[in-house]
PDB file of N, CA and C in Angstrom:
ATOM      1  N   MET A   1     -36.382 -12.387   9.354  1.00  0.00           N
ATOM      2  CA  MET A   1     -35.265 -11.981  10.334  1.00  0.00           C
ATOM      3  C   MET A   1     -36.186 -10.193   9.811  1.00  0.00           C
ATOM      4  N   ALA A   2     -36.186  -9.585  11.187  1.00  0.00           N
ATOM      5  CA  ALA A   2     -36.431  -8.362  11.218  1.00  0.00           C
ATOM      6  C   ALA A   2     -35.854  -7.030  10.071  1.00  0.00           C
ATOM      7  N   PRO A   3     -36.202  -6.125  10.073  1.00  0.00           N
ATOM      8  CA  PRO A   3     -35.874  -5.129   8.614  1.00  0.00           C
ATOM      9  C   PRO A   3     -34.415  -4.631   9.370  1.00  0.00           C
ATOM     10  N   ALA A   4     -34.796  -4.504  10.547  1.00  0.00           N
ATOM     11  CA  ALA A   4     -33.505  -3.420  11.392  1.00  0.00           C
ATOM     12  C   ALA A   4     -32.311  -4.906  11.538  1.00  0.00           C
ATOM     13  N   LEU A   5     -32.691  -6.194  11.656  1.00  0.00           N
ATOM     14  CA  LEU A   5     -31.412  -6.906  11.812  1.00  0.00           C
ATOM     15  C   LEU A   5     -31.063  -6.988  10.398  1.00  0.00           C
ATOM     16  N   ARG A   6     -31.917  -7.117   9.636  1.00  0.00           N
ATOM     17  CA  ARG A   6     -30.810  -7.196   7.836  1.00  0.00           C
ATOM     18  C   ARG A   6     -30.118  -6.328   7.738  1.00  0.00           C
ATOM     19  N   GLY A   7     -30.532  -5.380   7.946  1.00  0.00           N
ATOM     20  CA  GLY A   7     -29.721  -3.869   7.839  1.00  0.00           C
ATOM     21  C   GLY A   7     -28.597  -4.158   8.709  1.00  0.00           C
ATOM     22  N   VAL A   8     -28.354  -4.248   9.763  1.00  0.00           N
ATOM     23  CA  VAL A   8     -27.162  -4.485  10.737  1.00  0.00           C
ATOM     24  C   VAL A   8     -26.175  -5.817  10.125  1.00  0.00           C
ATOM     25  N   ALA A   9     -26.918  -6.895   9.596  1.00  0.00           N
ATOM     26  CA  ALA A   9     -26.326  -8.000   8.862  1.00  0.00           C
ATOM     27  C   ALA A   9     -25.847  -7.537   7.912  1.00  0.00           C
ATOM     28  N   LEU A  10     -26.373  -6.812   6.735  1.00  0.00           N
ATOM     29  CA  LEU A  10     -25.744  -6.167   5.391  1.00  0.00           C
ATOM     30  C   LEU A  10     -24.590  -5.360   5.862  1.00  0.00           C
ATOM     31  N   LEU A  11     -24.768  -4.183   6.899  1.00  0.00           N
ATOM     32  CA  LEU A  11     -23.699  -3.707   7.184  1.00  0.00           C
ATOM     33  C   LEU A  11     -22.162  -4.451   7.149  1.00  0.00           C
ATOM     34  N   PHE A  12     -22.591  -5.490   8.309  1.00  0.00           N
ATOM     35  CA  PHE A  12     -21.275  -6.496   8.909  1.00  0.00           C
ATOM     36  C   PHE A  12     -21.164  -7.153   7.561  1.00  0.00           C
ATOM     37  N   LEU A  13     -21.405  -7.367   6.404  1.00  0.00           N
ATOM     38  CA  LEU A  13     -21.665  -8.141   5.295  1.00  0.00           C
ATOM     39  C   LEU A  13     -20.393  -7.208   4.523  1.00  0.00           C
ATOM     40  N   LEU A  14     -20.920  -6.120   4.264  1.00  0.00           N
ATOM     41  CA  LEU A  14     -19.974  -5.013   3.515  1.00  0.00           C
ATOM     42  C   LEU A  14     -19.062  -4.529   4.007  1.00  0.00           C
ATOM     43  N   ALA A  15     -18.745  -4.646   5.607  1.00  0.00           N
ATOM     44  CA  ALA A  15     -17.308  -4.061   5.807  1.00  0.00           C
ATOM     45  C   ALA A  15     -16.456  -5.379   5.558  1.00  0.00           C
ATOM     46  N   ALA A  16     -16.853  -6.257   5.380  1.00  0.00           N
ATOM     47  CA  ALA A  16     -15.948  -7.556   5.451  1.00  0.00           C
ATOM     48  C   ALA A  16     -15.827  -8.113   4.170  1.00  0.00           C
ATOM     49  N   CYS A  17     -16.533  -7.206   3.269  1.00  0.00           N
ATOM     50  CA  CYS A  17     -16.042  -7.242   1.667  1.00  0.00           C
ATOM     51  C   CYS A  17     -14.553  -6.579   1.251  1.00  0.00           C
ATOM     52  N   GLU A  18     -13.524  -7.179   0.962  1.00  0.00           N
ATOM     53  CA  GLU A  18     -12.399  -6.239   0.473  1.00  0.00           C
ATOM     54  C   GLU A  18     -12.808  -5.537  -1.183  1.00  0.00           C
ATOM     55  N   ARG A  19     -12.124  -4.390  -1.379  1.00  0.00           N
ATOM     56  CA  ARG A  19     -12.169  -3.914  -2.711  1.00  0.00           C
ATOM     57  C   ARG A  19     -11.209  -4.878  -3.220  1.00  0.00           C
ATOM     58  N   PRO A  20     -11.805  -5.165  -4.816  1.00  0.00           N
ATOM     59  CA  PRO A  20     -10.984  -5.670  -5.481  1.00  0.00           C
ATOM     60  C   PRO A  20      -9.559  -4.774  -5.946  1.00  0.00           C
ATOM     61  N   VAL A  21      -8.658  -5.737  -6.326  1.00  0.00           N
ATOM     62  CA  VAL A  21      -7.621  -4.886  -6.959  1.00  0.00           C
ATOM     63  C   VAL A  21      -7.293  -4.242  -8.476  1.00  0.00           C
ATOM     64  N   PRO A  22      -7.145  -3.236  -8.986  1.00  0.00           N
ATOM     65  CA  PRO A  22      -7.824  -2.998 -10.329  1.00  0.00           C
ATOM     66  C   PRO A  22      -6.619  -3.224 -11.226  1.00  0.00           C
ATOM     67  N   GLU A  23      -6.920  -3.315 -12.615  1.00  0.00           N
ATOM     68  CA  GLU A  23      -6.132  -4.303 -13.350  1.00  0.00           C
ATOM     69  C   GLU A  23      -4.896  -2.823 -13.156  1.00  0.00           C
ATOM     70  N   ASP A  24      -5.006  -1.474 -13.175  1.00  0.00           N
ATOM     71  CA  ASP A  24      -4.067  -0.526 -13.647  1.00  0.00           C
ATOM     72  C   ASP A  24      -4.382   0.512 -12.825  1.00  0.00           C
ATOM     73  N   GLU A  25      -3.273   1.514 -12.384  1.00  0.00           N
ATOM     74  CA  GLU A  25      -3.638   2.699 -11.540  1.00  0.00           C
ATOM     75  C   GLU A  25      -3.298   3.548 -12.361  1.00  0.00           C
ATOM     76  N   PRO A  26      -3.997   4.866 -12.925  1.00  0.00           N
ATOM     77  CA  PRO A  26      -3.344   5.744 -13.590  1.00  0.00           C
ATOM     78  C   PRO A  26      -2.357   6.725 -13.403  1.00  0.00           C
ATOM     79  N   ALA A  27      -2.104   7.278 -12.638  1.00  0.00           N
ATOM     80  CA  ALA A  27      -1.355   8.145 -11.757  1.00  0.00           C
ATOM     81  C   ALA A  27      -0.119   7.570 -11.400  1.00  0.00           C
ATOM     82  N   THR A  28       0.067   6.110 -11.551  1.00  0.00           N
ATOM     83  CA  THR A  28       1.293   5.427 -11.204  1.00  0.00           C
ATOM     84  C   THR A  28       1.708   5.576 -12.424  1.00  0.00           C
ATOM     85  N   GLY A  29       0.752   4.570 -13.717  1.00  0.00           N
ATOM     86  CA  GLY A  29       1.205   3.830 -14.673  1.00  0.00           C
ATOM     87  C   GLY A  29       1.703   2.149 -14.295  1.00  0.00           C
ATOM     88  N   GLY A  30       1.570   1.698 -12.962  1.00  0.00           N
ATOM     89  CA  GLY A  30       1.843   0.527 -12.721  1.00  0.00           C
ATOM     90  C   GLY A  30       0.436  -0.219 -12.466  1.00  0.00           C
ATOM     91  N   ASN A  31       1.126  -1.422 -12.479  1.00  0.00           N
ATOM     92  CA  ASN A  31      -0.224  -2.553 -12.284  1.00  0.00           C
ATOM     93  C   ASN A  31      -0.319  -2.891 -10.775  1.00  0.00           C
ATOM     94  N   PRO A  32      -1.133  -2.612 -10.065  1.00  0.00           N
ATOM     95  CA  PRO A  32      -1.811  -2.461  -8.698  1.00  0.00           C
ATOM     96  C   PRO A  32      -1.614  -4.697  -8.308  1.00  0.00           C
ATOM     97  N   ARG A  33      -2.031  -4.776  -9.159  1.00  0.00           N
ATOM     98  CA  ARG A  33      -2.446  -6.737  -8.869  1.00  0.00           C
ATOM     99  C   ARG A  33      -0.778  -6.981  -8.705  1.00  0.00           C
ATOM    100  N   ASN A  34       0.354  -6.838  -9.965  1.00  0.00           N
ATOM    101  CA  ASN A  34       1.655  -6.997  -9.939  1.00  0.00           C
ATOM    102  C   ASN A  34       2.147  -6.189  -8.268  1.00  0.00           C
ATOM    103  N   GLY A  35       1.708  -5.273  -8.159  1.00  0.00           N
ATOM    104  CA  GLY A  35       2.266  -4.630  -7.116  1.00  0.00           C
ATOM    105  C   GLY A  35       1.997  -5.272  -5.377  1.00  0.00           C
ATOM    106  N   LYS A  36       0.987  -5.696  -5.683  1.00  0.00           N
ATOM    107  CA  LYS A  36       0.006  -6.716  -4.116  1.00  0.00           C
ATOM    108  C   LYS A  36       1.013  -8.201  -4.419  1.00  0.00           C
ATOM    109  N   GLN A  37       1.514  -8.781  -5.259  1.00  0.00           N
ATOM    110  CA  GLN A  37       2.225  -9.691  -5.149  1.00  0.00           C
ATOM    111  C   GLN A  37       4.198  -9.698  -4.945  1.00  0.00           C
ATOM    112  N   LEU A  38       4.075  -8.174  -5.684  1.00  0.00           N
ATOM    113  CA  LEU A  38       5.318  -7.809  -4.861  1.00  0.00           C
ATOM    114  C   LEU A  38       6.165  -7.850  -3.608  1.00  0.00           C
ATOM    115  N   ILE A  39       4.670  -7.168  -3.183  1.00  0.00           N
ATOM    116  CA  ILE A  39       4.607  -6.637  -1.689  1.00  0.00           C
ATOM    117  C   ILE A  39       4.842  -7.666  -0.763  1.00  0.00           C
ATOM    118  N   GLN A  40       4.254  -9.066  -1.272  1.00  0.00           N
ATOM    119  CA  GLN A  40       3.979 -10.274  -0.368  1.00  0.00           C
ATOM    120  C   GLN A  40       5.312 -10.660  -0.615  1.00  0.00           C
ATOM    121  N   GLN A  41       6.035 -10.638  -1.836  1.00  0.00           N
ATOM    122  CA  GLN A  41       7.220 -11.608  -2.238  1.00  0.00           C
ATOM    123  C   GLN A  41       8.541 -10.746  -1.247  1.00  0.00           C
ATOM    124  N   PHE A  42       8.342  -9.685  -0.973  1.00  0.00           N
ATOM    125  CA  PHE A  42       9.525  -8.618  -0.674  1.00  0.00           C
ATOM    126  C   PHE A  42       9.421  -8.549   1.100  1.00  0.00           C
ATOM    127  N   GLY A  43       8.606  -9.114   1.316  1.00  0.00           N
ATOM    128  CA  GLY A  43       8.210  -9.300   2.890  1.00  0.00           C
ATOM    129  C   GLY A  43       7.741  -7.897   3.477  1.00  0.00           C
ATOM    130  N   CYS A  44       7.103  -6.879   2.715  1.00  0.00           N
ATOM    131  CA  CYS A  44       6.860  -5.523   2.966  1.00  0.00           C
ATOM    132  C   CYS A  44       5.904  -5.590   4.258  1.00  0.00           C
ATOM    133  N   GLY A  45       4.998  -6.483   4.430  1.00  0.00           N
ATOM    134  CA  GLY A  45       4.225  -6.727   5.686  1.00  0.00           C
ATOM    135  C   GLY A  45       4.901  -7.010   6.735  1.00  0.00           C
ATOM    136  N   SER A  46       6.250  -7.433   6.892  1.00  0.00           N
ATOM    137  CA  SER A  46       6.955  -7.987   7.952  1.00  0.00           C
ATOM    138  C   SER A  46       6.986  -6.326   8.718  1.00  0.00           C
ATOM    139  N   CYS A  47       6.615  -5.242   8.125  1.00  0.00           N
ATOM    140  CA  CYS A  47       7.241  -4.079   8.671  1.00  0.00           C
ATOM    141  C   CYS A  47       5.949  -3.201   9.210  1.00  0.00           C
ATOM    142  N   HIS A  48       5.169  -3.521   7.793  1.00  0.00           N
ATOM    143  CA  HIS A  48       4.373  -2.511   7.552  1.00  0.00           C
ATOM    144  C   HIS A  48       2.630  -2.994   7.408  1.00  0.00           C
ATOM    145  N   SER A  49       1.471  -2.402   8.142  1.00  0.00           N
ATOM    146  CA  SER A  49       0.470  -2.970   7.804  1.00  0.00           C
ATOM    147  C   SER A  49      -0.037  -2.244   6.788  1.00  0.00           C
ATOM    148  N   ILE A  50      -0.438  -3.370   5.693  1.00  0.00           N
ATOM    149  CA  ILE A  50      -1.036  -3.041   4.382  1.00  0.00           C
ATOM    150  C   ILE A  50      -2.416  -3.564   3.674  1.00  0.00           C
ATOM    151  N   PRO A  51      -3.176  -2.809   4.001  1.00  0.00           N
ATOM    152  CA  PRO A  51      -4.868  -3.083   3.726  1.00  0.00           C
ATOM    153  C   PRO A  51      -4.737  -4.153   2.482  1.00  0.00           C
ATOM    154  N   GLY A  52      -5.888  -5.056   2.626  1.00  0.00           N
ATOM    155  CA  GLY A  52      -5.473  -6.200   1.529  1.00  0.00           C
ATOM    156  C   GLY A  52      -4.531  -7.235   1.316  1.00  0.00           C
ATOM    157  N   VAL A  53      -3.354  -7.299   1.892  1.00  0.00           N
ATOM    158  CA  VAL A  53      -2.218  -7.968   1.798  1.00  0.00           C
ATOM    159  C   VAL A  53      -2.650  -8.854   3.201  1.00  0.00           C
ATOM    160  N   PRO A  54      -2.573 -10.200   2.887  1.00  0.00           N
ATOM    161  CA  PRO A  54      -2.640 -11.346   3.825  1.00  0.00           C
ATOM    162  C   PRO A  54      -1.344 -11.276   4.777  1.00  0.00           C
ATOM    163  N   GLY A  55      -1.502 -11.086   5.987  1.00  0.00           N
ATOM    164  CA  GLY A  55      -0.440 -11.342   7.131  1.00  0.00           C
ATOM    165  C   GLY A  55       0.226  -9.775   7.353  1.00  0.00           C
ATOM    166  N   ALA A  56      -0.358  -9.064   6.663  1.00  0.00           N
ATOM    167  CA  ALA A  56       0.661  -7.319   6.443  1.00  0.00           C
ATOM    168  C   ALA A  56       0.010  -6.380   7.921  1.00  0.00           C
ATOM    169  N   THR A  57       0.189  -7.358   8.827  1.00  0.00           N
ATOM    170  CA  THR A  57      -0.461  -6.433  10.394  1.00  0.00           C
ATOM    171  C   THR A  57       0.622  -5.767  10.942  1.00  0.00           C
ATOM    172  N   ALA A  58       2.045  -5.682  10.460  1.00  0.00           N
ATOM    173  CA  ALA A  58       2.961  -5.506  11.527  1.00  0.00           C
ATOM    174  C   ALA A  58       2.586  -4.024  11.959  1.00  0.00           C
ATOM    175  N   THR A  59       3.400  -3.745  12.922  1.00  0.00           N
ATOM    176  CA  THR A  59       3.334  -2.590  13.660  1.00  0.00           C
ATOM    177  C   THR A  59       4.405  -1.784  13.386  1.00  0.00           C
ATOM    178  N   VAL A  60       5.631  -2.299  13.023  1.00  0.00           N
ATOM    179  CA  VAL A  60       7.168  -2.008  13.406  1.00  0.00           C
ATOM    180  C   VAL A  60       7.342  -0.478  12.740  1.00  0.00           C
ATOM    181  N   ALA A  61       6.646  -0.217  11.254  1.00  0.00           N
ATOM    182  CA  ALA A  61       7.176   1.078  10.717  1.00  0.00           C
ATOM    183  C   ALA A  61       5.385   1.440  10.483  1.00  0.00           C
ATOM    184  N   PRO A  62       5.123   2.573   9.599  1.00  0.00           N
ATOM    185  CA  PRO A  62       3.574   3.365   9.969  1.00  0.00           C
ATOM    186  C   PRO A  62       2.938   2.280   8.518  1.00  0.00           C
ATOM    187  N   SER A  63       1.627   2.188   9.159  1.00  0.00           N
ATOM    188  CA  SER A  63       0.534   1.678   8.395  1.00  0.00           C
ATOM    189  C   SER A  63       0.780   2.030   7.014  1.00  0.00           C
ATOM    190  N   LEU A  64       0.230   1.581   5.963  1.00  0.00           N
ATOM    191  CA  LEU A  64       0.240   2.150   4.947  1.00  0.00           C
ATOM    192  C   LEU A  64      -0.986   2.528   3.892  1.00  0.00           C
ATOM    193  N   GLU A  65      -2.101   2.268   4.919  1.00  0.00           N
ATOM    194  CA  GLU A  65      -3.242   2.175   5.004  1.00  0.00           C
ATOM    195  C   GLU A  65      -3.688   3.767   4.148  1.00  0.00           C
ATOM    196  N   LYS A  66      -4.453   4.196   3.330  1.00  0.00           N
ATOM    197  CA  LYS A  66      -4.544   5.599   2.973  1.00  0.00           C
ATOM    198  C   LYS A  66      -3.778   6.398   2.560  1.00  0.00           C
ATOM    199  N   ILE A  67      -2.663   5.567   1.841  1.00  0.00           N
ATOM    200  CA  ILE A  67      -1.607   6.433   1.634  1.00  0.00           C
ATOM    201  C   ILE A  67      -1.424   7.449   0.502  1.00  0.00           C
ATOM    202  N   LYS A  68      -2.459   7.245  -0.404  1.00  0.00           N
ATOM    203  CA  LYS A  68      -2.542   8.279  -1.639  1.00  0.00           C
ATOM    204  C   LYS A  68      -3.102   9.503  -1.444  1.00  0.00           C
ATOM    205  N   SER A  69      -3.951   9.366   0.145  1.00  0.00           N
ATOM    206  CA  SER A  69      -4.377  10.691   0.775  1.00  0.00           C
ATOM    207  C   SER A  69      -3.663  11.724   1.517  1.00  0.00           C
ATOM    208  N   ARG A  70      -2.244  11.064   1.503  1.00  0.00           N
ATOM    209  CA  ARG A  70      -1.338  11.933   2.743  1.00  0.00           C
ATOM    210  C   ARG A  70      -0.657  12.827   1.547  1.00  0.00           C
ATOM    211  N   GLN A  71      -0.358  13.602   2.709  1.00  0.00           N
ATOM    212  CA  GLN A  71       0.415  15.139   2.181  1.00  0.00           C
ATOM    213  C   GLN A  71       1.810  14.830   1.852  1.00  0.00           C
ATOM    214  N   PHE A  72       2.352  14.060   2.593  1.00  0.00           N
ATOM    215  CA  PHE A  72       3.963  13.819   2.537  1.00  0.00           C
ATOM    216  C   PHE A  72       4.172  12.306   2.922  1.00  0.00           C
ATOM    217  N   LEU A  73       5.292  11.891   2.425  1.00  0.00           N
ATOM    218  CA  LEU A  73       5.920  10.554   2.451  1.00  0.00           C
ATOM    219  C   LEU A  73       7.215  10.730   2.856  1.00  0.00           C
ATOM    220  N   ALA A  74       7.112   9.990   4.014  1.00  0.00           N
ATOM    221  CA  ALA A  74       8.555   9.802   4.846  1.00  0.00           C
ATOM    222  C   ALA A  74       8.714  11.179   5.732  1.00  0.00           C
ATOM    223  N   GLY A  75       7.594  11.649   5.865  1.00  0.00           N
ATOM    224  CA  GLY A  75       7.713  13.167   6.778  1.00  0.00           C
ATOM    225  C   GLY A  75       8.745  13.950   5.914  1.00  0.00           C
ATOM    226  N   ARG A  76       9.102  13.989   4.650  1.00  0.00           N
ATOM    227  CA  ARG A  76       9.916  14.550   3.527  1.00  0.00           C
ATOM    228  C   ARG A  76       9.612  15.072   2.528  1.00  0.00           C
ATOM    229  N   LEU A  77       8.968  13.903   1.892  1.00  0.00           N
ATOM    230  CA  LEU A  77       8.704  14.490   0.096  1.00  0.00           C
ATOM    231  C   LEU A  77       7.203  14.398   0.133  1.00  0.00           C
ATOM    232  N   THR A  78       6.692  15.420  -1.054  1.00  0.00           N
ATOM    233  CA  THR A  78       5.891  15.617  -1.167  1.00  0.00           C
ATOM    234  C   THR A  78       4.923  14.099  -1.842  1.00  0.00           C
ATOM    235  N   ASN A  79       3.640  14.305  -1.319  1.00  0.00           N
ATOM    236  CA  ASN A  79       3.268  12.448  -1.779  1.00  0.00           C
ATOM    237  C   ASN A  79       2.877  12.335  -3.211  1.00  0.00           C
ATOM    238  N   THR A  80       3.631  12.412  -4.193  1.00  0.00           N
ATOM    239  CA  THR A  80       3.437  12.241  -5.719  1.00  0.00           C
ATOM    240  C   THR A  80       3.869  10.648  -5.907  1.00  0.00           C
ATOM    241  N   PRO A  81       3.062  10.306  -6.841  1.00  0.00           N
ATOM    242  CA  PRO A  81       3.955   8.904  -7.576  1.00  0.00           C
ATOM    243  C   PRO A  81       5.168   8.827  -7.659  1.00  0.00           C
ATOM    244  N   GLU A  82       5.988   9.615  -8.480  1.00  0.00           N
ATOM    245  CA  GLU A  82       7.367   9.760  -8.475  1.00  0.00           C
ATOM    246  C   GLU A  82       8.078   9.729  -7.201  1.00  0.00           C
ATOM    247  N   ASN A  83       7.824  10.264  -6.250  1.00  0.00           N
ATOM    248  CA  ASN A  83       8.237  10.156  -4.733  1.00  0.00           C
ATOM    249  C   ASN A  83       7.962   9.442  -4.215  1.00  0.00           C
ATOM    250  N   LEU A  84       6.672   8.512  -4.062  1.00  0.00           N
ATOM    251  CA  LEU A  84       6.516   7.311  -3.408  1.00  0.00           C
ATOM    252  C   LEU A  84       7.522   6.271  -4.442  1.00  0.00           C
ATOM    253  N   GLN A  85       7.754   6.267  -5.236  1.00  0.00           N
ATOM    254  CA  GLN A  85       8.479   5.253  -6.008  1.00  0.00           C
ATOM    255  C   GLN A  85       9.962   5.363  -5.828  1.00  0.00           C
ATOM    256  N   LYS A  86      10.325   6.419  -5.774  1.00  0.00           N
ATOM    257  CA  LYS A  86      11.646   6.683  -5.104  1.00  0.00           C
ATOM    258  C   LYS A  86      12.060   6.353  -3.550  1.00  0.00           C
ATOM    259  N   TRP A  87      11.188   6.954  -3.219  1.00  0.00           N
ATOM    260  CA  TRP A  87      11.029   6.115  -1.419  1.00  0.00           C
ATOM    261  C   TRP A  87      11.061   4.631  -1.509  1.00  0.00           C
ATOM    262  N   ILE A  88      10.522   4.262  -2.048  1.00  0.00           N
ATOM    263  CA  ILE A  88      10.372   2.569  -2.514  1.00  0.00           C
ATOM    264  C   ILE A  88      11.547   1.855  -2.618  1.00  0.00           C
ATOM    265  N   ARG A  89      11.934   2.612  -3.876  1.00  0.00           N
ATOM    266  CA  ARG A  89      13.154   1.645  -4.533  1.00  0.00           C
ATOM    267  C   ARG A  89      14.268   2.446  -3.419  1.00  0.00           C
ATOM    268  N   LYS A  90      14.676   3.240  -3.051  1.00  0.00           N
ATOM    269  CA  LYS A  90      16.101   3.898  -2.400  1.00  0.00           C
ATOM    270  C   LYS A  90      15.885   4.853  -1.096  1.00  0.00           C
ATOM    271  N   PRO A  91      15.098   4.221  -0.361  1.00  0.00           N
ATOM    272  CA  PRO A  91      15.036   5.392   0.785  1.00  0.00           C
ATOM    273  C   PRO A  91      15.862   5.367   1.448  1.00  0.00           C
ATOM    274  N   ARG A  92      16.990   5.074   1.502  1.00  0.00           N
ATOM    275  CA  ARG A  92      18.253   5.763   2.056  1.00  0.00           C
ATOM    276  C   ARG A  92      18.721   6.915   1.359  1.00  0.00           C
ATOM    277  N   SER A  93      18.192   6.914   0.291  1.00  0.00           N
ATOM    278  CA  SER A  93      18.758   8.276  -0.855  1.00  0.00           C
ATOM    279  C   SER A  93      17.693   9.525  -0.211  1.00  0.00           C
ATOM    280  N   VAL A  94      16.684   9.212   0.317  1.00  0.00           N
ATOM    281  CA  VAL A  94      16.076  10.349   0.766  1.00  0.00           C
ATOM    282  C   VAL A  94      16.666  10.563   2.087  1.00  0.00           C
ATOM    283  N   ASP A  95      16.286   9.403   3.062  1.00  0.00           N
ATOM    284  CA  ASP A  95      16.754   9.607   4.600  1.00  0.00           C
ATOM    285  C   ASP A  95      17.547   8.429   5.018  1.00  0.00           C
ATOM    286  N   PRO A  96      18.790   9.187   5.053  1.00  0.00           N
ATOM    287  CA  PRO A  96      20.129   8.087   5.148  1.00  0.00           C
ATOM    288  C   PRO A  96      20.133   7.502   6.742  1.00  0.00           C
ATOM    289  N   LYS A  97      19.171   8.052   7.603  1.00  0.00           N
ATOM    290  CA  LYS A  97      18.978   7.359   8.903  1.00  0.00           C
ATOM    291  C   LYS A  97      17.523   6.382   8.781  1.00  0.00           C
ATOM    292  N   THR A  98      17.088   5.997   7.747  1.00  0.00           N
ATOM    293  CA  THR A  98      15.648   5.084   7.993  1.00  0.00           C
ATOM    294  C   THR A  98      15.951   4.044   7.874  1.00  0.00           C
ATOM    295  N   ALA A  99      15.235   3.126   8.773  1.00  0.00           N
ATOM    296  CA  ALA A  99      15.140   1.983   9.091  1.00  0.00           C
ATOM    297  C   ALA A  99      14.800   1.175   7.790  1.00  0.00           C
ATOM    298  N   MET A 100      14.344   1.516   6.878  1.00  0.00           N
ATOM    299  CA  MET A 100      13.427   0.960   5.850  1.00  0.00           C
ATOM    300  C   MET A 100      14.677   0.400   4.892  1.00  0.00           C
ATOM    301  N   PRO A 101      14.831  -0.650   4.609  1.00  0.00           N
ATOM    302  CA  PRO A 101      15.660  -1.351   3.627  1.00  0.00           C
ATOM    303  C   PRO A 101      15.502  -0.902   2.224  1.00  0.00           C
ATOM    304  N   ASP A 102      16.331  -0.903   1.335  1.00  0.00           N
ATOM    305  CA  ASP A 102      16.456  -1.129  -0.255  1.00  0.00           C
ATOM    306  C   ASP A 102      16.693  -2.401  -0.328  1.00  0.00           C
ATOM    307  N   VAL A 103      15.128  -2.889  -0.946  1.00  0.00           N
ATOM    308  CA  VAL A 103      15.198  -4.426  -0.612  1.00  0.00           C
ATOM    309  C   VAL A 103      15.719  -4.587  -2.303  1.00  0.00           C
ATOM    310  N   GLY A 104      15.975  -3.594  -3.048  1.00  0.00           N
ATOM    311  CA  GLY A 104      16.163  -4.239  -4.582  1.00  0.00           C
ATOM    312  C   GLY A 104      15.183  -4.236  -5.661  1.00  0.00           C
ATOM    313  N   LEU A 105      13.964  -3.171  -5.376  1.00  0.00           N
ATOM    314  CA  LEU A 105      13.002  -3.602  -6.642  1.00  0.00           C
ATOM    315  C   LEU A 105      13.577  -2.703  -7.569  1.00  0.00           C
ATOM    316  N   ASP A 106      13.133  -2.919  -8.683  1.00  0.00           N
ATOM    317  CA  ASP A 106      13.822  -1.831 -10.086  1.00  0.00           C
ATOM    318  C   ASP A 106      12.126  -1.177 -10.114  1.00  0.00           C
ATOM    319  N   GLU A 107      12.816  -0.114 -11.102  1.00  0.00           N
ATOM    320  CA  GLU A 107      11.819   0.860 -11.580  1.00  0.00           C
ATOM    321  C   GLU A 107      10.480   0.500 -11.934  1.00  0.00           C
ATOM    322  N   LYS A 108       9.898  -0.484 -12.576  1.00  0.00           N
ATOM    323  CA  LYS A 108       8.786  -1.258 -12.773  1.00  0.00           C
ATOM    324  C   LYS A 108       8.273  -1.719 -11.715  1.00  0.00           C
ATOM    325  N   GLN A 109       8.872  -2.539 -11.113  1.00  0.00           N
ATOM    326  CA  GLN A 109       8.409  -2.958  -9.595  1.00  0.00           C
ATOM    327  C   GLN A 109       7.695  -2.019  -8.776  1.00  0.00           C
ATOM    328  N   ALA A 110       8.888  -0.895  -8.176  1.00  0.00           N
ATOM    329  CA  ALA A 110       8.413   0.041  -7.417  1.00  0.00           C
ATOM    330  C   ALA A 110       7.343   0.422  -8.121  1.00  0.00           C
ATOM    331  N   ARG A 111       6.855   1.053  -9.520  1.00  0.00           N
ATOM    332  CA  ARG A 111       5.642   1.387  -9.935  1.00  0.00           C
ATOM    333  C   ARG A 111       4.479   0.628  -9.528  1.00  0.00           C
ATOM    334  N   ASP A 112       4.438  -0.682  -9.729  1.00  0.00           N
ATOM    335  CA  ASP A 112       3.500  -1.397  -9.543  1.00  0.00           C
ATOM    336  C   ASP A 112       3.237  -1.542  -8.031  1.00  0.00           C
ATOM    337  N   VAL A 113       4.362  -1.591  -6.721  1.00  0.00           N
ATOM    338  CA  VAL A 113       4.099  -0.840  -5.526  1.00  0.00           C
ATOM    339  C   VAL A 113       3.198   0.147  -5.175  1.00  0.00           C
ATOM    340  N   ALA A 114       3.678   1.132  -5.994  1.00  0.00           N
ATOM    341  CA  ALA A 114       3.048   2.110  -5.676  1.00  0.00           C
ATOM    342  C   ALA A 114       1.994   2.048  -6.284  1.00  0.00           C
ATOM    343  N   ALA A 115       1.431   1.528  -7.627  1.00  0.00           N
ATOM    344  CA  ALA A 115       0.537   1.471  -8.086  1.00  0.00           C
ATOM    345  C   ALA A 115      -1.040   0.604  -6.967  1.00  0.00           C
ATOM    346  N   TYR A 116      -0.409  -0.141  -6.123  1.00  0.00           N
ATOM    347  CA  TYR A 116      -0.850  -1.386  -5.159  1.00  0.00           C
ATOM    348  C   TYR A 116      -1.674  -0.070  -4.195  1.00  0.00           C
ATOM    349  N   LEU A 117      -0.120   0.554  -3.242  1.00  0.00           N
ATOM    350  CA  LEU A 117      -0.602   1.177  -2.309  1.00  0.00           C
ATOM    351  C   LEU A 117      -1.558   2.610  -2.809  1.00  0.00           C
ATOM    352  N   TYR A 118      -1.216   3.040  -3.842  1.00  0.00           N
ATOM    353  CA  TYR A 118      -2.408   4.107  -4.425  1.00  0.00           C
ATOM    354  C   TYR A 118      -3.972   3.732  -4.635  1.00  0.00           C
ATOM    355  N   SER A 119      -3.740   2.395  -4.653  1.00  0.00           N
ATOM    356  CA  SER A 119      -5.526   2.260  -5.066  1.00  0.00           C
ATOM    357  C   SER A 119      -6.161   1.229  -3.894  1.00  0.00           C
ATOM    358  N   ARG A 120      -5.380   1.328  -2.678  1.00  0.00           N
ATOM    359  CA  ARG A 120      -6.168   1.201  -1.510  1.00  0.00           C
ATOM    360  C   ARG A 120      -6.663   2.165  -0.923  1.00  0.00           C
TER     361      ARG A 120
END
C-alpha cells in the first residue's frame, strides 16, 4: 500500500476508535462506567445524542457531546459538577417549563451520569 494511502487508512481507523470509559471522573466524584449504564437504563438517548452510548442519536433535546466544555447548562446554570447533577436529578426545580423529565435518579446515580457526560 502506498504511504499516502496508509496514512488515510490510519486516519479512518483512528476516527472510528471510541475513547474508553474511564474508571472515575475527579470533578464529579462519580463513576463514568456506571453513568453510561444508567444513561442506557433510563433512556436518555431517546431524546439526546450522547457520544459513546449505542443508539443515543436522538435530536429531540440538545446533544450532550462535549458538555464539560460548555459555559452554561440548560441555558441557566453555570456549568459545574454540582449544577449538572442538580439538572439531571430535578430539572423542573431549575426550569419549571422544561420538557426534560425527572426520571428518578438518586444523588449517586446523578453523580455517575454527570461523570460519564464529563468524560466525553
